[in-house]
Amino acid sequence: MRGQLSAEMLILIVVVLAIVGIAAVQLMSTAKETGQSMQNQTGRINTMTAEAMKSREGEACVMDDDCTEGLTCESYRCY
């Protein structure tokens, strides 16, 4: 009877595969949530950096977007 699997061995293999499957699903879920959180934080940091780098009145600029709110870019200066 060599080469035959017992019922207990089959049950054990099924249980181990189920545990591995559950762990894989949990890891994928956690990785997805972490990725989304990192993406949100990166967007927030980019927005904060862009706002911090805006020019004040009299400072250099290229476009209106380079000046703080309410100012416009004229002759490469914010007014």
C-alpha atoms as a PDB file:
ATOM      1  CA  MET A   1       0.000   0.000   0.000  1.00  0.00           C
ATOM      2  CA  ARG A   2       2.901   2.346  -0.607  1.00  0.00           C
ATOM      3  CA  GLY A   3       2.060   5.458  -2.583  1.00  0.00           C
ATOM      4  CA  GLN A   4      -1.454   5.777  -1.263  1.00  0.00           C
ATOM      5  CA  LEU A   5      -2.587   8.767   0.766  1.00  0.00           C
ATOM      6  CA  SER A   6      -4.655   8.200   3.843  1.00  0.00           C
ATOM      7  CA  ALA A   7      -7.796  10.167   4.527  1.00  0.00           C
ATOM      8  CA  GLU A   8      -6.064  11.936   7.413  1.00  0.00           C
ATOM      9  CA  MET A   9      -3.225  13.050   5.127  1.00  0.00           C
ATOM     10  CA  LEU A  10      -5.697  14.407   2.552  1.00  0.00           C
ATOM     11  CA  ILE A  11      -7.588  16.306   5.247  1.00  0.00           C
ATOM     12  CA  LEU A  12      -4.312  17.754   6.549  1.00  0.00           C
ATOM     13  CA  ILE A  13      -3.285  18.886   3.044  1.00  0.00           C
ATOM     14  CA  VAL A  14      -6.685  20.553   2.493  1.00  0.00           C
ATOM     15  CA  VAL A  15      -6.480  22.365   5.864  1.00  0.00           C
ATOM     16  CA  VAL A  16      -2.942  23.606   5.165  1.00  0.00           C
ATOM     17  CA  LEU A  17      -3.947  24.855   1.703  1.00  0.00           C
ATOM     18  CA  ALA A  18      -6.986  26.628   3.178  1.00  0.00           C
ATOM     19  CA  ILE A  19      -4.822  28.364   5.785  1.00  0.00           C
ATOM     20  CA  VAL A  20      -2.339  29.444   3.114  1.00  0.00           C
ATOM     21  CA  GLY A  21      -5.202  30.764   0.972  1.00  0.00           C
ATOM     22  CA  ILE A  22      -6.712  32.746   3.836  1.00  0.00           C
ATOM     23  CA  ALA A  23      -3.309  34.224   4.716  1.00  0.00           C
ATOM     24  CA  ALA A  24      -2.731  35.216   1.076  1.00  0.00           C
ATOM     25  CA  VAL A  25      -6.103  36.986   0.870  1.00  0.00           C
ATOM     26  CA  GLN A  26      -5.389  38.874   4.099  1.00  0.00           C
ATOM     27  CA  LEU A  27      -1.937  39.924   2.894  1.00  0.00           C
ATOM     28  CA  MET A  28      -3.313  41.162  -0.433  1.00  0.00           C
ATOM     29  CA  SER A  29      -6.020  43.148   1.346  1.00  0.00           C
ATOM     30  CA  THR A  30      -3.500  44.731   3.696  1.00  0.00           C
ATOM     31  CA  ALA A  31      -1.158  45.567   0.816  1.00  0.00           C
ATOM     32  CA  LYS A  32      -3.986  47.214  -1.122  1.00  0.00           C
ATOM     33  CA  GLU A  33      -5.030  49.348   1.880  1.00  0.00           C
ATOM     34  CA  THR A  34      -1.421  50.336   2.556  1.00  0.00           C
ATOM     35  CA  GLY A  35      -0.885  51.327  -1.075  1.00  0.00           C
ATOM     36  CA  GLN A  36      -4.006  53.498  -1.064  1.00  0.00           C
ATOM     37  CA  SER A  37      -2.939  55.149   2.184  1.00  0.00           C
ATOM     38  CA  MET A  38       0.521  55.888   0.800  1.00  0.00           C
ATOM     39  CA  GLN A  39      -1.002  57.338  -2.371  1.00  0.00           C
ATOM     40  CA  ASN A  40      -3.257  59.631  -0.331  1.00  0.00           C
ATOM     41  CA  GLN A  41      -0.352  60.808   1.838  1.00  0.00           C
ATOM     42  CA  THR A  42       1.829  61.446  -1.217  1.00  0.00           C
ATOM     43  CA  GLY A  43      -0.895  63.565  -2.810  1.00  0.00           C
ATOM     44  CA  ARG A  44      -1.299  65.523   0.404  1.00  0.00           C
ATOM     45  CA  ILE A  45       2.447  66.158   0.669  1.00  0.00           C
ATOM     46  CA  ASN A  46       2.599  67.276  -2.983  1.00  0.00           C
ATOM     47  CA  THR A  47      -0.248  69.739  -2.424  1.00  0.00           C
ATOM     48  CA  MET A  48       1.328  71.141   0.730  1.00  0.00           C
ATOM     49  CA  THR A  49       4.711  71.502  -0.986  1.00  0.00           C
ATOM     50  CA  ALA A  50       3.179  73.270  -3.983  1.00  0.00           C
ATOM     51  CA  GLU A  51       1.382  75.732  -1.704  1.00  0.00           C
ATOM     52  CA  ALA A  52       4.524  76.377   0.343  1.00  0.00           C
ATOM     53  CA  MET A  53       6.551  77.135  -2.780  1.00  0.00           C
ATOM     54  CA  LYS A  54       4.207  79.819  -4.157  1.00  0.00           C
ATOM     55  CA  SER A  55       5.714  83.285  -4.528  1.00  0.00           C
ATOM     56  CA  ARG A  56       4.560  86.270  -2.478  1.00  0.00           C
ATOM     57  CA  GLU A  57       4.082  89.813  -3.743  1.00  0.00           C
ATOM     58  CA  GLY A  58       7.163  91.074  -5.575  1.00  0.00           C
ATOM     59  CA  GLU A  59       8.782  87.658  -5.828  1.00  0.00           C
ATOM     60  CA  ALA A  60       9.676  85.888  -9.082  1.00  0.00           C
ATOM     61  CA  CYS A  61       7.120  83.906 -11.103  1.00  0.00           C
ATOM     62  CA  VAL A  62       6.484  82.520 -14.577  1.00  0.00           C
ATOM     63  CA  MET A  63       2.698  81.955 -14.489  1.00  0.00           C
ATOM     64  CA  ASP A  64      -0.192  83.114 -12.315  1.00  0.00           C
ATOM     65  CA  ASP A  65      -0.197  79.678 -10.670  1.00  0.00           C
ATOM     66  CA  ASP A  66       3.266  80.442  -9.251  1.00  0.00           C
ATOM     67  CA  CYS A  67       1.873  83.287  -7.111  1.00  0.00           C
ATOM     68  CA  THR A  68      -0.022  82.996  -3.852  1.00  0.00           C
ATOM     69  CA  GLU A  69      -3.791  83.269  -4.071  1.00  0.00           C
ATOM     70  CA  GLY A  70      -5.085  86.637  -5.219  1.00  0.00           C
ATOM     71  CA  LEU A  71      -1.871  87.689  -6.990  1.00  0.00           C
ATOM     72  CA  THR A  72      -1.091  87.611 -10.702  1.00  0.00           C
ATOM     73  CA  CYS A  73       2.206  87.203 -12.524  1.00  0.00           C
ATOM     74  CA  GLU A  74       3.175  90.337 -14.446  1.00  0.00           C
ATOM     75  CA  SER A  75       6.641  90.794 -15.962  1.00  0.00           C
ATOM     76  CA  TYR A  76       7.856  87.725 -14.035  1.00  0.00           C
ATOM     77  CA  ARG A  77       6.856  89.198 -10.649  1.00  0.00           C
ATOM     78  CA  CYS A  78       3.802  88.519  -8.462  1.00  0.00           C
ATOM     79  CA  TYR A  79       1.541  91.575  -7.996  1.00  0.00           C
END
